[in-house]
PDB file of all heavy atoms in Angstrom:
ATOM      1  N   ASP A   1      18.342 121.081 138.382  1.00  0.00           N
ATOM      2  CA  ASP A   1      16.885 121.054 138.313  1.00  0.00           C
ATOM      3  C   ASP A   1      16.288 122.450 138.439  1.00  0.00           C
ATOM      4  O   ASP A   1      15.292 122.767 137.799  1.00  0.00           O
ATOM      5  CB  ASP A   1      16.346 120.142 139.421  1.00  0.00           C
ATOM      6  CG  ASP A   1      14.836 120.033 139.375  1.00  0.00           C
ATOM      7  OD1 ASP A   1      14.313 119.524 138.374  1.00  0.00           O
ATOM      8  OD2 ASP A   1      14.180 120.469 140.341  1.00  0.00           O
ATOM      9  N   ALA A   2      16.924 123.299 139.264  1.00  0.00           N
ATOM     10  CA  ALA A   2      16.381 124.647 139.474  1.00  0.00           C
ATOM     11  C   ALA A   2      16.616 125.541 138.261  1.00  0.00           C
ATOM     12  O   ALA A   2      15.786 126.379 137.923  1.00  0.00           O
ATOM     13  CB  ALA A   2      17.005 125.272 140.719  1.00  0.00           C
ATOM     14  N   HIS A   3      17.768 125.367 137.608  1.00  0.00           N
ATOM     15  CA  HIS A   3      18.125 126.204 136.457  1.00  0.00           C
ATOM     16  C   HIS A   3      18.615 125.296 135.329  1.00  0.00           C
ATOM     17  O   HIS A   3      19.821 125.158 135.097  1.00  0.00           O
ATOM     18  CB  HIS A   3      19.196 127.228 136.843  1.00  0.00           C
ATOM     19  CG  HIS A   3      18.831 128.060 138.032  1.00  0.00           C
ATOM     20  ND1 HIS A   3      17.790 128.961 138.013  1.00  0.00           N
ATOM     21  CD2 HIS A   3      19.327 128.094 139.286  1.00  0.00           C
ATOM     22  CE1 HIS A   3      17.679 129.533 139.202  1.00  0.00           C
ATOM     23  NE2 HIS A   3      18.594 129.018 139.989  1.00  0.00           N
ATOM     24  N   PRO A   4      17.683 124.659 134.613  1.00  0.00           N
ATOM     25  CA  PRO A   4      18.069 123.616 133.651  1.00  0.00           C
ATOM     26  C   PRO A   4      18.982 124.091 132.543  1.00  0.00           C
ATOM     27  O   PRO A   4      19.768 123.320 132.018  1.00  0.00           O
ATOM     28  CB  PRO A   4      16.727 123.130 133.106  1.00  0.00           C
ATOM     29  CG  PRO A   4      15.774 124.245 133.374  1.00  0.00           C
ATOM     30  CD  PRO A   4      16.230 124.861 134.661  1.00  0.00           C
ATOM     31  N   LEU A   5      18.890 125.368 132.165  1.00  0.00           N
ATOM     32  CA  LEU A   5      19.760 125.865 131.111  1.00  0.00           C
ATOM     33  C   LEU A   5      21.211 125.940 131.558  1.00  0.00           C
ATOM     34  O   LEU A   5      22.123 126.077 130.738  1.00  0.00           O
ATOM     35  CB  LEU A   5      19.287 127.239 130.631  1.00  0.00           C
ATOM     36  CG  LEU A   5      17.918 127.254 129.937  1.00  0.00           C
ATOM     37  CD1 LEU A   5      17.475 128.682 129.669  1.00  0.00           C
ATOM     38  CD2 LEU A   5      17.948 126.464 128.646  1.00  0.00           C
ATOM     39  N   GLU A   6      21.442 125.851 132.885  1.00  0.00           N
ATOM     40  CA  GLU A   6      22.803 125.838 133.424  1.00  0.00           C
ATOM     41  C   GLU A   6      23.348 124.426 133.564  1.00  0.00           C
ATOM     42  O   GLU A   6      24.510 124.249 133.954  1.00  0.00           O
ATOM     43  CB  GLU A   6      22.831 126.544 134.787  1.00  0.00           C
ATOM     44  CG  GLU A   6      22.480 128.025 134.727  1.00  0.00           C
ATOM     45  CD  GLU A   6      23.459 128.806 133.857  1.00  0.00           C
ATOM     46  OE1 GLU A   6      24.681 128.685 134.071  1.00  0.00           O
ATOM     47  OE2 GLU A   6      22.989 129.511 132.939  1.00  0.00           O
ATOM     48  N   SER A   7      22.536 123.404 133.318  1.00  0.00           N
ATOM     49  CA  SER A   7      23.029 122.025 133.334  1.00  0.00           C
ATOM     50  C   SER A   7      24.173 121.906 132.335  1.00  0.00           C
ATOM     51  O   SER A   7      24.196 122.590 131.314  1.00  0.00           O
ATOM     52  CB  SER A   7      21.916 121.051 132.965  1.00  0.00           C
ATOM     53  OG  SER A   7      20.823 121.186 133.851  1.00  0.00           O
ATOM     54  N   ALA A   8      25.128 121.024 132.630  1.00  0.00           N
ATOM     55  CA  ALA A   8      26.340 121.029 131.811  1.00  0.00           C
ATOM     56  C   ALA A   8      27.002 119.669 131.756  1.00  0.00           C
ATOM     57  O   ALA A   8      26.851 118.834 132.653  1.00  0.00           O
ATOM     58  CB  ALA A   8      27.326 122.063 132.353  1.00  0.00           C
ATOM     59  N   LEU A   9      27.742 119.463 130.681  1.00  0.00           N
ATOM     60  CA  LEU A   9      28.722 118.390 130.586  1.00  0.00           C
ATOM     61  C   LEU A   9      30.079 118.999 130.913  1.00  0.00           C
ATOM     62  O   LEU A   9      30.449 120.040 130.353  1.00  0.00           O
ATOM     63  CB  LEU A   9      28.751 117.804 129.176  1.00  0.00           C
ATOM     64  CG  LEU A   9      27.521 117.039 128.698  1.00  0.00           C
ATOM     65  CD1 LEU A   9      27.692 116.659 127.236  1.00  0.00           C
ATOM     66  CD2 LEU A   9      27.311 115.801 129.544  1.00  0.00           C
ATOM     67  N   PHE A  10      30.805 118.367 131.824  1.00  0.00           N
ATOM     68  CA  PHE A  10      32.089 118.910 132.248  1.00  0.00           C
ATOM     69  C   PHE A  10      33.185 118.369 131.339  1.00  0.00           C
ATOM     70  O   PHE A  10      33.493 117.180 131.346  1.00  0.00           O
ATOM     71  CB  PHE A  10      32.355 118.556 133.706  1.00  0.00           C
ATOM     72  CG  PHE A  10      31.380 119.193 134.648  1.00  0.00           C
ATOM     73  CD1 PHE A  10      30.540 118.424 135.428  1.00  0.00           C
ATOM     74  CD2 PHE A  10      31.282 120.567 134.737  1.00  0.00           C
ATOM     75  CE1 PHE A  10      29.633 119.004 136.283  1.00  0.00           C
ATOM     76  CE2 PHE A  10      30.373 121.167 135.590  1.00  0.00           C
ATOM     77  CZ  PHE A  10      29.543 120.386 136.368  1.00  0.00           C
ATOM     78  N   LEU A  11      33.760 119.259 130.569  1.00  0.00           N
ATOM     79  CA  LEU A  11      34.821 118.913 129.645  1.00  0.00           C
ATOM     80  C   LEU A  11      36.091 119.646 130.047  1.00  0.00           C
ATOM     81  O   LEU A  11      36.079 120.502 130.936  1.00  0.00           O
ATOM     82  CB  LEU A  11      34.403 119.274 128.216  1.00  0.00           C
ATOM     83  CG  LEU A  11      33.118 118.585 127.737  1.00  0.00           C
ATOM     84  CD1 LEU A  11      32.692 119.137 126.388  1.00  0.00           C
ATOM     85  CD2 LEU A  11      33.311 117.076 127.660  1.00  0.00           C
ATOM     86  N   ALA A  12      37.203 119.304 129.448  1.00  0.00           N
ATOM     87  CA  ALA A  12      38.469 119.944 129.792  1.00  0.00           C
ATOM     88  C   ALA A  12      38.410 121.437 129.468  1.00  0.00           C
ATOM     89  O   ALA A  12      37.867 121.845 128.443  1.00  0.00           O
ATOM     90  CB  ALA A  12      39.607 119.276 129.022  1.00  0.00           C
ATOM     91  N   ARG A  13      38.921 122.225 130.384  1.00  0.00           N
ATOM     92  CA  ARG A  13      39.006 123.685 130.228  1.00  0.00           C
ATOM     93  C   ARG A  13      37.637 124.352 130.070  1.00  0.00           C
ATOM     94  O   ARG A  13      37.518 125.390 129.443  1.00  0.00           O
ATOM     95  CB  ARG A  13      39.920 124.060 129.054  1.00  0.00           C
ATOM     96  CG  ARG A  13      41.340 123.545 129.198  1.00  0.00           C
ATOM     97  CD  ARG A  13      42.298 124.277 128.278  1.00  0.00           C
ATOM     98  NE  ARG A  13      41.986 124.115 126.885  1.00  0.00           N
ATOM     99  CZ  ARG A  13      42.398 123.087 126.133  1.00  0.00           C
ATOM    100  NH1 ARG A  13      43.126 122.120 126.683  1.00  0.00           N
ATOM    101  NH2 ARG A  13      42.100 123.008 124.863  1.00  0.00           N
ATOM    102  N   GLY A  14      36.591 123.754 130.641  1.00  0.00           N
ATOM    103  CA  GLY A  14      35.283 124.398 130.588  1.00  0.00           C
ATOM    104  C   GLY A  14      34.154 123.401 130.491  1.00  0.00           C
ATOM    105  O   GLY A  14      34.368 122.189 130.523  1.00  0.00           O
ATOM    106  N   ALA A  15      32.942 123.946 130.384  1.00  0.00           N
ATOM    107  CA  ALA A  15      31.748 123.100 130.358  1.00  0.00           C
ATOM    108  C   ALA A  15      30.924 123.417 129.122  1.00  0.00           C
ATOM    109  O   ALA A  15      30.987 124.522 128.568  1.00  0.00           O
ATOM    110  CB  ALA A  15      30.918 123.323 131.617  1.00  0.00           C
ATOM    111  N   LEU A  16      30.154 122.436 128.706  1.00  0.00           N
ATOM    112  CA  LEU A  16      29.180 122.626 127.630  1.00  0.00           C
ATOM    113  C   LEU A  16      27.810 122.667 128.277  1.00  0.00           C
ATOM    114  O   LEU A  16      27.300 121.655 128.752  1.00  0.00           O
ATOM    115  CB  LEU A  16      29.259 121.482 126.615  1.00  0.00           C
ATOM    116  CG  LEU A  16      28.298 121.553 125.422  1.00  0.00           C
ATOM    117  CD1 LEU A  16      28.595 122.776 124.567  1.00  0.00           C
ATOM    118  CD2 LEU A  16      28.372 120.277 124.599  1.00  0.00           C
ATOM    119  N   LYS A  17      27.210 123.860 128.329  1.00  0.00           N
ATOM    120  CA  LYS A  17      25.933 124.043 129.006  1.00  0.00           C
ATOM    121  C   LYS A  17      24.764 123.818 128.044  1.00  0.00           C
ATOM    122  O   LYS A  17      24.905 123.965 126.833  1.00  0.00           O
ATOM    123  CB  LYS A  17      25.839 125.451 129.596  1.00  0.00           C
ATOM    124  CG  LYS A  17      26.826 125.726 130.716  1.00  0.00           C
ATOM    125  CD  LYS A  17      26.610 127.116 131.295  1.00  0.00           C
ATOM    126  CE  LYS A  17      27.561 127.384 132.450  1.00  0.00           C
ATOM    127  NZ  LYS A  17      27.335 128.731 133.037  1.00  0.00           N
ATOM    128  N   VAL A  18      23.616 123.488 128.638  1.00  0.00           N
ATOM    129  CA  VAL A  18      22.409 123.319 127.833  1.00  0.00           C
ATOM    130  C   VAL A  18      22.104 124.601 127.063  1.00  0.00           C
ATOM    131  O   VAL A  18      21.721 124.558 125.890  1.00  0.00           O
ATOM    132  CB  VAL A  18      21.218 122.917 128.729  1.00  0.00           C
ATOM    133  CG1 VAL A  18      19.909 123.013 127.952  1.00  0.00           C
ATOM    134  CG2 VAL A  18      21.401 121.497 129.258  1.00  0.00           C
ATOM    135  N   ALA A  19      22.282 125.749 127.708  1.00  0.00           N
ATOM    136  CA  ALA A  19      22.006 127.021 127.034  1.00  0.00           C
ATOM    137  C   ALA A  19      22.853 127.169 125.774  1.00  0.00           C
ATOM    138  O   ALA A  19      22.412 127.756 124.780  1.00  0.00           O
ATOM    139  CB  ALA A  19      22.268 128.188 127.985  1.00  0.00           C
ATOM    140  N   ASP A  20      24.086 126.634 125.801  1.00  0.00           N
ATOM    141  CA  ASP A  20      24.964 126.739 124.632  1.00  0.00           C
ATOM    142  C   ASP A  20      24.417 125.956 123.443  1.00  0.00           C
ATOM    143  O   ASP A  20      24.673 126.309 122.283  1.00  0.00           O
ATOM    144  CB  ASP A  20      26.362 126.213 124.973  1.00  0.00           C
ATOM    145  CG  ASP A  20      27.027 126.982 126.102  1.00  0.00           C
ATOM    146  OD1 ASP A  20      26.743 128.189 126.233  1.00  0.00           O
ATOM    147  OD2 ASP A  20      27.819 126.374 126.852  1.00  0.00           O
ATOM    148  N   LEU A  21      23.688 124.880 123.732  1.00  0.00           N
ATOM    149  CA  LEU A  21      23.213 124.007 122.661  1.00  0.00           C
ATOM    150  C   LEU A  21      22.251 124.722 121.726  1.00  0.00           C
ATOM    151  O   LEU A  21      22.169 124.402 120.535  1.00  0.00           O
ATOM    152  CB  LEU A  21      22.533 122.769 123.251  1.00  0.00           C
ATOM    153  CG  LEU A  21      23.409 121.903 124.169  1.00  0.00           C
ATOM    154  CD1 LEU A  21      22.587 120.751 124.738  1.00  0.00           C
ATOM    155  CD2 LEU A  21      24.622 121.372 123.420  1.00  0.00           C
ATOM    156  N   TYR A  22      21.500 125.694 122.263  1.00  0.00           N
ATOM    157  CA  TYR A  22      20.519 126.410 121.442  1.00  0.00           C
ATOM    158  C   TYR A  22      21.180 127.420 120.508  1.00  0.00           C
ATOM    159  O   TYR A  22      20.498 128.137 119.791  1.00  0.00           O
ATOM    160  CB  TYR A  22      19.478 127.084 122.341  1.00  0.00           C
ATOM    161  CG  TYR A  22      18.524 126.085 122.951  1.00  0.00           C
ATOM    162  CD1 TYR A  22      18.799 125.477 124.170  1.00  0.00           C
ATOM    163  CD2 TYR A  22      17.368 125.707 122.292  1.00  0.00           C
ATOM    164  CE1 TYR A  22      17.939 124.545 124.720  1.00  0.00           C
ATOM    165  CE2 TYR A  22      16.500 124.767 122.829  1.00  0.00           C
ATOM    166  CZ  TYR A  22      16.793 124.192 124.045  1.00  0.00           C
ATOM    167  OH  TYR A  22      15.941 123.265 124.583  1.00  0.00           O
ATOM    168  N   ARG A  23      22.527 127.457 120.546  1.00  0.00           N
ATOM    169  CA  ARG A  23      23.256 128.349 119.641  1.00  0.00           C
ATOM    170  C   ARG A  23      24.231 127.577 118.741  1.00  0.00           C
ATOM    171  O   ARG A  23      25.051 128.190 118.063  1.00  0.00           O
ATOM    172  CB  ARG A  23      24.000 129.409 120.455  1.00  0.00           C
ATOM    173  CG  ARG A  23      23.067 130.334 121.225  1.00  0.00           C
ATOM    174  CD  ARG A  23      23.821 131.482 121.879  1.00  0.00           C
ATOM    175  NE  ARG A  23      24.611 131.069 123.021  1.00  0.00           N
ATOM    176  CZ  ARG A  23      24.138 130.998 124.269  1.00  0.00           C
ATOM    177  NH1 ARG A  23      22.875 131.299 124.512  1.00  0.00           N
ATOM    178  NH2 ARG A  23      24.914 130.635 125.268  1.00  0.00           N
ATOM    179  N   LEU A  24      24.152 126.250 118.755  1.00  0.00           N
ATOM    180  CA  LEU A  24      25.027 125.424 117.923  1.00  0.00           C
ATOM    181  C   LEU A  24      24.279 124.919 116.687  1.00  0.00           C
ATOM    182  O   LEU A  24      23.057 124.865 116.669  1.00  0.00           O
ATOM    183  CB  LEU A  24      25.543 124.224 118.719  1.00  0.00           C
ATOM    184  CG  LEU A  24      26.532 124.502 119.857  1.00  0.00           C
ATOM    185  CD1 LEU A  24      26.916 123.199 120.541  1.00  0.00           C
ATOM    186  CD2 LEU A  24      27.777 125.224 119.353  1.00  0.00           C
ATOM    187  N   ASP A  25      25.038 124.538 115.682  1.00  0.00           N
ATOM    188  CA  ASP A  25      24.480 123.927 114.475  1.00  0.00           C
ATOM    189  C   ASP A  25      25.292 122.668 114.194  1.00  0.00           C
ATOM    190  O   ASP A  25      26.235 122.679 113.413  1.00  0.00           O
ATOM    191  CB  ASP A  25      24.558 124.899 113.297  1.00  0.00           C
ATOM    192  CG  ASP A  25      23.758 124.403 112.093  1.00  0.00           C
ATOM    193  OD1 ASP A  25      23.136 123.323 112.206  1.00  0.00           O
ATOM    194  OD2 ASP A  25      23.762 125.089 111.061  1.00  0.00           O
ATOM    195  N   LEU A  26      24.932 121.567 114.874  1.00  0.00           N
ATOM    196  CA  LEU A  26      25.743 120.351 114.833  1.00  0.00           C
ATOM    197  C   LEU A  26      25.568 119.568 113.543  1.00  0.00           C
ATOM    198  O   LEU A  26      26.508 118.963 113.048  1.00  0.00           O
ATOM    199  CB  LEU A  26      25.396 119.451 116.028  1.00  0.00           C
ATOM    200  CG  LEU A  26      25.689 120.025 117.413  1.00  0.00           C
ATOM    201  CD1 LEU A  26      25.249 119.048 118.485  1.00  0.00           C
ATOM    202  CD2 LEU A  26      27.174 120.338 117.554  1.00  0.00           C
ATOM    203  N   ASP A  27      24.339 119.516 113.017  1.00  0.00           N
ATOM    204  CA  ASP A  27      24.036 118.746 111.812  1.00  0.00           C
ATOM    205  C   ASP A  27      24.602 117.332 111.919  1.00  0.00           C
ATOM    206  O   ASP A  27      25.277 116.837 111.014  1.00  0.00           O
ATOM    207  CB  ASP A  27      24.597 119.446 110.573  1.00  0.00           C
ATOM    208  CG  ASP A  27      24.069 118.811 109.284  1.00  0.00           C
ATOM    209  OD1 ASP A  27      22.951 118.262 109.304  1.00  0.00           O
ATOM    210  OD2 ASP A  27      24.792 118.851 108.267  1.00  0.00           O
ATOM    211  N   ALA A  28      24.327 116.665 113.046  1.00  0.00           N
ATOM    212  CA  ALA A  28      24.810 115.307 113.280  1.00  0.00           C
ATOM    213  C   ALA A  28      23.660 114.316 113.150  1.00  0.00           C
ATOM    214  O   ALA A  28      22.496 114.673 113.323  1.00  0.00           O
ATOM    215  CB  ALA A  28      25.435 115.197 114.667  1.00  0.00           C
ATOM    216  N   ASP A  29      24.006 113.066 112.856  1.00  0.00           N
ATOM    217  CA  ASP A  29      22.991 112.023 112.823  1.00  0.00           C
ATOM    218  C   ASP A  29      22.697 111.515 114.224  1.00  0.00           C
ATOM    219  O   ASP A  29      21.559 111.181 114.544  1.00  0.00           O
ATOM    220  CB  ASP A  29      23.453 110.864 111.941  1.00  0.00           C
ATOM    221  CG  ASP A  29      22.354 109.833 111.750  1.00  0.00           C
ATOM    222  OD1 ASP A  29      21.293 110.204 111.212  1.00  0.00           O
ATOM    223  OD2 ASP A  29      22.541 108.677 112.161  1.00  0.00           O
ATOM    224  N   LEU A  30      23.728 111.478 115.084  1.00  0.00           N
ATOM    225  CA  LEU A  30      23.567 110.954 116.434  1.00  0.00           C
ATOM    226  C   LEU A  30      24.551 111.630 117.369  1.00  0.00           C
ATOM    227  O   LEU A  30      25.733 111.766 117.048  1.00  0.00           O
ATOM    228  CB  LEU A  30      23.825 109.435 116.446  1.00  0.00           C
ATOM    229  CG  LEU A  30      23.899 108.748 117.819  1.00  0.00           C
ATOM    230  CD1 LEU A  30      22.541 108.793 118.510  1.00  0.00           C
ATOM    231  CD2 LEU A  30      24.387 107.313 117.677  1.00  0.00           C
ATOM    232  N   VAL A  31      24.037 112.068 118.508  1.00  0.00           N
ATOM    233  CA  VAL A  31      24.894 112.514 119.612  1.00  0.00           C
ATOM    234  C   VAL A  31      24.625 111.591 120.789  1.00  0.00           C
ATOM    235  O   VAL A  31      23.472 111.414 121.192  1.00  0.00           O
ATOM    236  CB  VAL A  31      24.618 113.978 120.007  1.00  0.00           C
ATOM    237  CG1 VAL A  31      25.457 114.353 121.230  1.00  0.00           C
ATOM    238  CG2 VAL A  31      24.940 114.917 118.851  1.00  0.00           C
ATOM    239  N   THR A  32      25.677 111.003 121.307  1.00  0.00           N
ATOM    240  CA  THR A  32      25.558 110.119 122.462  1.00  0.00           C
ATOM    241  C   THR A  32      26.170 110.793 123.679  1.00  0.00           C
ATOM    242  O   THR A  32      27.305 111.281 123.622  1.00  0.00           O
ATOM    243  CB  THR A  32      26.264 108.780 122.204  1.00  0.00           C
ATOM    244  OG1 THR A  32      25.615 108.114 121.131  1.00  0.00           O
ATOM    245  CG2 THR A  32      26.211 107.895 123.436  1.00  0.00           C
TER     246      THR A  32
END
């Protein structure tokens, strides 16, 4: 809550942070 861009999904060998999302190009119909 204090640093929302540091929020993350914990995946194997690392995390996917919210900040990372603003640099991706997923071109997906749906992300669940």
